[in-house]
N, C-alpha and C. Protein backbone atom coordinates (compact mmCIF):
# COMPACT_ATOMS: atom_id res chain seq x y z
N MET A 1 47.31 167.88 174.95
CA MET A 1 47.37 167.35 173.59
C MET A 1 47.37 168.52 172.62
N PRO A 2 48.29 168.55 171.64
CA PRO A 2 48.31 169.65 170.68
C PRO A 2 47.00 169.72 169.90
N ARG A 3 46.66 170.93 169.48
CA ARG A 3 45.40 171.14 168.78
C ARG A 3 45.30 170.29 167.51
N HIS A 4 46.41 170.17 166.76
CA HIS A 4 46.36 169.40 165.51
C HIS A 4 46.23 167.90 165.76
N CYS A 5 46.36 167.47 167.02
CA CYS A 5 46.19 166.06 167.35
C CYS A 5 44.83 165.79 167.97
N ALA A 6 43.92 166.75 167.85
CA ALA A 6 42.61 166.57 168.46
C ALA A 6 41.91 165.34 167.91
N GLU A 7 42.09 165.08 166.66
CA GLU A 7 41.50 163.88 166.08
C GLU A 7 42.53 162.76 166.16
N ARG A 8 42.09 161.57 166.45
CA ARG A 8 43.00 160.43 166.59
C ARG A 8 43.78 160.18 165.31
N GLN A 9 43.12 160.31 164.18
CA GLN A 9 43.78 160.05 162.90
C GLN A 9 44.99 160.97 162.72
N GLY A 10 44.84 162.25 163.07
CA GLY A 10 45.94 163.21 162.93
C GLY A 10 47.12 162.83 163.80
N CYS A 11 46.87 162.40 165.03
CA CYS A 11 47.96 161.98 165.93
C CYS A 11 48.66 160.75 165.39
N ARG A 12 47.90 159.80 164.91
CA ARG A 12 48.48 158.57 164.39
C ARG A 12 49.39 158.88 163.20
N MET A 13 48.94 159.77 162.32
CA MET A 13 49.75 160.13 161.16
C MET A 13 51.01 160.86 161.59
N MET A 14 50.90 161.74 162.60
CA MET A 14 52.08 162.46 163.07
C MET A 14 53.08 161.49 163.69
N LYS A 15 52.61 160.54 164.48
CA LYS A 15 53.50 159.57 165.10
C LYS A 15 54.16 158.70 164.04
N THR A 16 53.40 158.31 163.01
CA THR A 16 53.97 157.51 161.93
C THR A 16 55.05 158.29 161.20
N GLY A 17 54.78 159.57 160.94
CA GLY A 17 55.78 160.41 160.27
C GLY A 17 57.04 160.54 161.09
N MET A 18 56.89 160.72 162.41
CA MET A 18 58.06 160.81 163.29
C MET A 18 58.83 159.50 163.27
N TRP A 19 58.12 158.37 163.30
CA TRP A 19 58.77 157.06 163.30
C TRP A 19 59.56 156.86 162.02
N LEU A 20 58.96 157.24 160.88
CA LEU A 20 59.67 157.09 159.61
C LEU A 20 60.92 157.95 159.58
N LEU A 21 60.84 159.15 160.12
CA LEU A 21 62.01 160.02 160.16
C LEU A 21 63.11 159.40 161.00
N VAL A 22 62.76 158.87 162.16
CA VAL A 22 63.75 158.22 163.03
C VAL A 22 64.32 156.98 162.36
N ALA A 23 63.48 156.21 161.68
CA ALA A 23 63.93 154.98 161.03
C ALA A 23 64.86 155.28 159.85
N LEU A 24 64.61 156.36 159.14
CA LEU A 24 65.42 156.67 157.96
C LEU A 24 66.67 157.46 158.28
N LEU A 25 66.74 158.08 159.44
CA LEU A 25 67.90 158.89 159.80
C LEU A 25 69.22 158.15 159.66
N PRO A 26 69.35 156.90 160.16
CA PRO A 26 70.63 156.20 159.99
C PRO A 26 70.99 155.96 158.53
N LEU A 27 70.00 155.79 157.67
CA LEU A 27 70.28 155.54 156.26
C LEU A 27 70.78 156.80 155.57
N LEU A 28 70.38 157.95 156.09
CA LEU A 28 70.79 159.20 155.48
C LEU A 28 72.13 159.70 155.98
N ALA A 29 72.68 159.06 156.98
CA ALA A 29 73.92 159.52 157.61
C ALA A 29 75.08 159.57 156.62
N GLY A 30 75.11 158.70 155.64
CA GLY A 30 76.23 158.66 154.70
C GLY A 30 75.97 159.39 153.40
N CYS A 31 74.92 160.21 153.33
CA CYS A 31 74.55 160.85 152.08
C CYS A 31 75.56 161.87 151.58
N ASN A 32 76.47 162.32 152.40
CA ASN A 32 77.46 163.30 151.96
C ASN A 32 78.72 162.65 151.41
N THR A 33 78.75 161.34 151.31
CA THR A 33 79.95 160.67 150.83
C THR A 33 79.94 160.61 149.31
N ASP A 34 81.09 160.36 148.72
CA ASP A 34 81.22 160.20 147.28
C ASP A 34 80.80 158.78 146.93
N HIS A 35 79.63 158.64 146.31
CA HIS A 35 79.09 157.30 146.06
C HIS A 35 79.92 156.50 145.07
N ARG A 36 80.66 157.15 144.17
CA ARG A 36 81.51 156.39 143.26
C ARG A 36 82.59 155.66 144.05
N THR A 37 83.16 156.31 145.02
CA THR A 37 84.17 155.68 145.87
C THR A 37 83.52 154.60 146.71
N GLU A 38 82.35 154.90 147.23
CA GLU A 38 81.63 153.97 148.10
C GLU A 38 81.35 152.66 147.36
N ILE A 39 80.82 152.75 146.17
CA ILE A 39 80.44 151.56 145.42
C ILE A 39 81.67 150.76 144.99
N ALA A 40 82.69 151.46 144.55
CA ALA A 40 83.88 150.76 144.08
C ALA A 40 84.65 150.14 145.24
N GLY A 41 84.30 150.51 146.46
CA GLY A 41 85.01 149.96 147.61
C GLY A 41 86.38 150.59 147.78
N LEU A 42 86.60 151.74 147.16
CA LEU A 42 87.89 152.39 147.23
C LEU A 42 87.91 153.34 148.41
N GLU A 43 88.78 153.07 149.32
CA GLU A 43 88.94 153.94 150.47
C GLU A 43 90.41 154.18 150.68
N LYS A 44 90.74 155.28 151.31
CA LYS A 44 92.15 155.56 151.58
C LYS A 44 92.68 154.51 152.53
N PRO A 45 93.88 153.97 152.26
CA PRO A 45 94.44 152.97 153.17
C PRO A 45 94.70 153.59 154.54
N MET A 46 94.48 152.79 155.57
CA MET A 46 94.69 153.26 156.93
C MET A 46 96.17 153.20 157.27
N SER A 47 96.64 154.19 158.00
CA SER A 47 98.03 154.16 158.46
C SER A 47 98.14 153.16 159.59
N ALA A 48 99.35 152.78 159.94
CA ALA A 48 99.56 151.82 161.02
C ALA A 48 99.00 152.35 162.33
N ALA A 49 99.14 153.65 162.58
CA ALA A 49 98.61 154.22 163.83
C ALA A 49 97.09 154.17 163.85
N ALA A 50 96.47 154.42 162.71
CA ALA A 50 95.01 154.42 162.65
C ALA A 50 94.45 153.02 162.85
N SER A 51 95.18 152.00 162.45
CA SER A 51 94.65 150.64 162.53
C SER A 51 94.59 150.12 163.96
N VAL A 52 95.30 150.73 164.91
CA VAL A 52 95.25 150.26 166.29
C VAL A 52 94.28 151.07 167.13
N GLN A 53 93.75 152.15 166.59
CA GLN A 53 92.78 152.94 167.32
C GLN A 53 91.40 152.31 167.18
N PRO A 54 90.48 152.60 168.12
CA PRO A 54 89.14 152.07 167.99
C PRO A 54 88.50 152.56 166.71
N PRO A 55 87.55 151.79 166.16
CA PRO A 55 86.93 152.18 164.90
C PRO A 55 86.21 153.52 165.05
N SER A 56 86.34 154.34 164.01
CA SER A 56 85.67 155.63 164.06
C SER A 56 84.48 155.61 163.12
N GLY A 57 83.67 156.61 163.21
CA GLY A 57 82.51 156.70 162.35
C GLY A 57 81.29 156.10 163.03
N ASN A 58 80.15 156.43 162.48
CA ASN A 58 78.92 155.91 163.06
C ASN A 58 78.71 154.47 162.62
N TYR A 59 77.83 153.77 163.31
CA TYR A 59 77.65 152.35 163.04
C TYR A 59 77.20 152.06 161.60
N PRO A 60 76.25 152.81 161.05
CA PRO A 60 75.87 152.52 159.65
C PRO A 60 77.05 152.63 158.68
N GLU A 61 77.93 153.60 158.92
CA GLU A 61 79.10 153.74 158.04
C GLU A 61 80.05 152.56 158.20
N ARG A 62 80.27 152.12 159.44
CA ARG A 62 81.15 150.97 159.66
C ARG A 62 80.53 149.71 159.06
N MET A 63 79.22 149.58 159.15
CA MET A 63 78.52 148.43 158.56
C MET A 63 78.66 148.46 157.03
N ARG A 64 78.48 149.65 156.45
CA ARG A 64 78.58 149.79 155.00
C ARG A 64 79.97 149.39 154.51
N ARG A 65 81.01 149.85 155.24
CA ARG A 65 82.38 149.50 154.84
C ARG A 65 82.61 147.99 154.90
N ALA A 66 82.13 147.34 155.95
CA ALA A 66 82.33 145.90 156.10
C ALA A 66 81.65 145.13 154.97
N ILE A 67 80.45 145.53 154.60
CA ILE A 67 79.72 144.82 153.55
C ILE A 67 80.32 145.14 152.18
N THR A 68 80.67 146.40 151.95
CA THR A 68 81.25 146.80 150.66
C THR A 68 82.53 146.03 150.36
N GLN A 69 83.32 145.74 151.38
CA GLN A 69 84.56 144.97 151.18
C GLN A 69 84.27 143.58 150.63
N GLU A 70 83.09 143.07 150.87
CA GLU A 70 82.74 141.72 150.41
C GLU A 70 82.03 141.71 149.06
N MET A 71 81.79 142.88 148.50
CA MET A 71 81.07 142.96 147.22
C MET A 71 82.06 142.95 146.07
N PRO A 72 81.77 142.19 145.02
CA PRO A 72 82.63 142.21 143.83
C PRO A 72 82.43 143.52 143.08
N THR A 73 83.13 143.67 141.98
CA THR A 73 82.94 144.85 141.15
C THR A 73 81.47 144.95 140.77
N LEU A 74 80.92 146.12 140.97
CA LEU A 74 79.48 146.27 140.82
C LEU A 74 79.04 146.85 139.48
N GLY A 75 79.96 147.08 138.56
CA GLY A 75 79.63 147.69 137.29
C GLY A 75 78.54 146.98 136.52
N LYS A 76 78.54 145.66 136.54
CA LYS A 76 77.55 144.92 135.77
C LYS A 76 76.16 144.95 136.40
N TYR A 77 76.05 145.46 137.63
CA TYR A 77 74.75 145.52 138.31
C TYR A 77 74.16 146.93 138.30
N LYS A 78 74.74 147.81 137.48
CA LYS A 78 74.25 149.18 137.41
C LYS A 78 72.76 149.17 137.10
N SER A 79 72.03 150.01 137.76
CA SER A 79 70.58 150.18 137.65
C SER A 79 69.78 149.06 138.31
N GLN A 80 70.45 148.13 138.99
CA GLN A 80 69.73 147.11 139.75
C GLN A 80 69.70 147.52 141.22
N THR A 81 68.72 147.02 141.95
CA THR A 81 68.59 147.36 143.36
C THR A 81 68.27 146.11 144.17
N CYS A 82 68.46 146.22 145.48
CA CYS A 82 68.09 145.13 146.37
C CYS A 82 67.89 145.69 147.78
N SER A 83 66.86 145.24 148.46
CA SER A 83 66.61 145.60 149.86
C SER A 83 66.64 144.33 150.68
N ILE A 84 67.46 144.36 151.75
CA ILE A 84 67.61 143.20 152.62
C ILE A 84 67.39 143.63 154.07
N SER A 85 66.53 142.90 154.75
CA SER A 85 66.29 143.13 156.18
C SER A 85 67.27 142.25 156.96
N ILE A 86 67.98 142.84 157.93
CA ILE A 86 68.92 142.06 158.73
C ILE A 86 68.61 142.22 160.21
N HIS A 87 68.95 141.20 160.98
CA HIS A 87 68.87 141.24 162.44
C HIS A 87 70.24 140.81 162.96
N LEU A 88 70.80 141.64 163.84
CA LEU A 88 72.15 141.42 164.35
C LEU A 88 72.14 141.12 165.84
N LEU A 89 73.19 140.45 166.28
CA LEU A 89 73.44 140.24 167.70
C LEU A 89 74.35 141.37 168.18
N PRO A 90 74.46 141.60 169.50
CA PRO A 90 75.30 142.70 169.99
C PRO A 90 76.76 142.64 169.54
N ASP A 91 77.26 141.44 169.27
CA ASP A 91 78.66 141.33 168.82
C ASP A 91 78.81 141.61 167.33
N GLY A 92 77.73 141.97 166.65
CA GLY A 92 77.77 142.30 165.23
C GLY A 92 77.52 141.11 164.32
N SER A 93 77.42 139.91 164.89
CA SER A 93 77.18 138.75 164.03
C SER A 93 75.74 138.74 163.54
N LEU A 94 75.57 138.18 162.36
CA LEU A 94 74.28 138.14 161.70
C LEU A 94 73.39 137.08 162.33
N LYS A 95 72.25 137.49 162.85
CA LYS A 95 71.28 136.54 163.42
C LYS A 95 70.45 135.93 162.29
N ASP A 96 69.89 136.79 161.46
CA ASP A 96 69.17 136.32 160.27
C ASP A 96 69.01 137.49 159.30
N PHE A 97 68.59 137.15 158.09
CA PHE A 97 68.34 138.18 157.08
C PHE A 97 67.27 137.68 156.13
N LYS A 98 66.67 138.62 155.40
CA LYS A 98 65.64 138.27 154.43
C LYS A 98 65.68 139.28 153.30
N VAL A 99 65.69 138.78 152.07
CA VAL A 99 65.62 139.66 150.91
C VAL A 99 64.17 140.15 150.82
N LEU A 100 63.99 141.46 150.80
CA LEU A 100 62.65 142.04 150.75
C LEU A 100 62.20 142.32 149.33
N ALA A 101 63.11 142.83 148.50
CA ALA A 101 62.75 143.20 147.13
C ALA A 101 64.02 143.44 146.34
N GLY A 102 63.88 143.37 145.01
CA GLY A 102 65.01 143.71 144.16
C GLY A 102 65.22 142.72 143.04
N ASP A 103 66.28 142.98 142.28
CA ASP A 103 66.66 142.13 141.16
C ASP A 103 67.33 140.87 141.69
N ALA A 104 66.85 139.71 141.24
CA ALA A 104 67.29 138.42 141.79
C ALA A 104 68.81 138.23 141.75
N GLU A 105 69.42 138.51 140.61
CA GLU A 105 70.86 138.28 140.47
C GLU A 105 71.66 139.19 141.42
N PHE A 106 71.29 140.46 141.47
CA PHE A 106 71.99 141.39 142.35
C PHE A 106 71.70 141.08 143.82
N CYS A 107 70.48 140.68 144.13
CA CYS A 107 70.14 140.32 145.52
C CYS A 107 70.95 139.10 145.98
N ALA A 108 71.23 138.18 145.07
CA ALA A 108 72.06 137.02 145.44
C ALA A 108 73.47 137.48 145.81
N VAL A 109 74.02 138.42 145.04
CA VAL A 109 75.36 138.95 145.32
C VAL A 109 75.35 139.72 146.64
N ALA A 110 74.33 140.56 146.85
CA ALA A 110 74.24 141.35 148.08
C ALA A 110 74.05 140.44 149.29
N SER A 111 73.24 139.40 149.15
CA SER A 111 73.02 138.45 150.26
C SER A 111 74.32 137.75 150.65
N GLN A 112 75.09 137.34 149.66
CA GLN A 112 76.37 136.69 149.95
C GLN A 112 77.31 137.65 150.67
N ALA A 113 77.32 138.91 150.25
CA ALA A 113 78.19 139.90 150.90
C ALA A 113 77.77 140.12 152.34
N VAL A 114 76.47 140.19 152.60
CA VAL A 114 75.97 140.37 153.97
C VAL A 114 76.37 139.18 154.84
N GLN A 115 76.27 137.98 154.29
CA GLN A 115 76.61 136.78 155.06
C GLN A 115 78.12 136.69 155.34
N ARG A 116 78.95 137.12 154.39
CA ARG A 116 80.40 137.02 154.56
C ARG A 116 81.00 138.15 155.39
N ALA A 117 80.32 139.29 155.40
CA ALA A 117 80.87 140.48 156.06
C ALA A 117 81.06 140.26 157.56
N LYS A 118 82.17 140.76 158.06
CA LYS A 118 82.42 140.75 159.50
C LYS A 118 81.95 142.11 160.02
N LEU A 119 80.69 142.14 160.44
CA LEU A 119 80.10 143.40 160.89
C LEU A 119 80.66 143.79 162.25
N PRO A 120 80.83 145.08 162.49
CA PRO A 120 81.44 145.53 163.74
C PRO A 120 80.54 145.30 164.95
N LYS A 121 81.19 145.15 166.09
CA LYS A 121 80.48 144.99 167.35
C LYS A 121 79.80 146.31 167.70
N MET A 122 78.62 146.21 168.28
CA MET A 122 77.91 147.41 168.74
C MET A 122 78.65 147.93 169.98
N THR A 123 78.82 149.23 170.06
CA THR A 123 79.60 149.80 171.16
C THR A 123 78.77 150.16 172.39
N SER A 124 77.43 150.13 172.27
CA SER A 124 76.59 150.47 173.41
C SER A 124 75.21 149.84 173.24
N GLN A 125 74.46 149.84 174.32
CA GLN A 125 73.08 149.34 174.27
C GLN A 125 72.23 150.22 173.35
N THR A 126 72.50 151.50 173.37
CA THR A 126 71.75 152.42 172.51
C THR A 126 72.00 152.10 171.04
N GLU A 127 73.26 151.88 170.70
CA GLU A 127 73.60 151.53 169.32
C GLU A 127 72.92 150.21 168.93
N TYR A 128 72.92 149.25 169.83
CA TYR A 128 72.26 147.97 169.55
C TYR A 128 70.76 148.18 169.35
N ALA A 129 70.14 148.99 170.20
CA ALA A 129 68.70 149.24 170.08
C ALA A 129 68.36 149.90 168.75
N LEU A 130 69.25 150.75 168.27
CA LEU A 130 69.00 151.46 167.01
C LEU A 130 69.24 150.61 165.77
N PHE A 131 70.25 149.73 165.81
CA PHE A 131 70.69 149.08 164.58
C PHE A 131 70.60 147.56 164.57
N ASN A 132 70.06 146.93 165.61
CA ASN A 132 70.01 145.46 165.60
C ASN A 132 69.06 144.94 164.54
N SER A 133 68.11 145.74 164.14
CA SER A 133 67.18 145.37 163.08
C SER A 133 67.19 146.51 162.06
N SER A 134 67.72 146.23 160.87
CA SER A 134 67.87 147.28 159.86
C SER A 134 67.49 146.76 158.49
N VAL A 135 67.13 147.68 157.62
CA VAL A 135 66.91 147.35 156.21
C VAL A 135 68.03 148.01 155.42
N LEU A 136 68.74 147.21 154.66
CA LEU A 136 69.84 147.70 153.83
C LEU A 136 69.36 147.82 152.39
N ASP A 137 69.53 148.99 151.81
CA ASP A 137 69.18 149.21 150.42
C ASP A 137 70.46 149.28 149.61
N PHE A 138 70.62 148.35 148.69
CA PHE A 138 71.81 148.29 147.84
C PHE A 138 71.47 148.91 146.49
N VAL A 139 72.23 149.93 146.10
CA VAL A 139 72.05 150.60 144.82
C VAL A 139 73.43 150.91 144.26
N PRO A 140 73.93 150.11 143.32
CA PRO A 140 75.28 150.37 142.79
C PRO A 140 75.31 151.62 141.92
């Protein structure tokens, strides 16, 4: 046992910190993208060759694209936020969801987008284990 974990409280805090880091890592995966493009739902059109290839990108990015396509223009929701907890099946279909916090009007729009979105199928058991239960933070 490491010296800094000699006390139970220290170990518990270290484990909690590690868990939070692992839990937040998927949410940080898209931090290098241009958020103006992301929010507006503007993406470069796919070529015919690209549309027949398997989906690229990590699962959170593919999930974000699917949900963003279902969101209306977000300009009127500027400065509003919403957090939604979702549970998915391996085929990407929505098992259930719950609004955790946020502005009621914007959360209604985000909830509808989550319900309408055709989320991608998980490509592996590992991907399913990581993303079957996620919290989505919407910030236009």
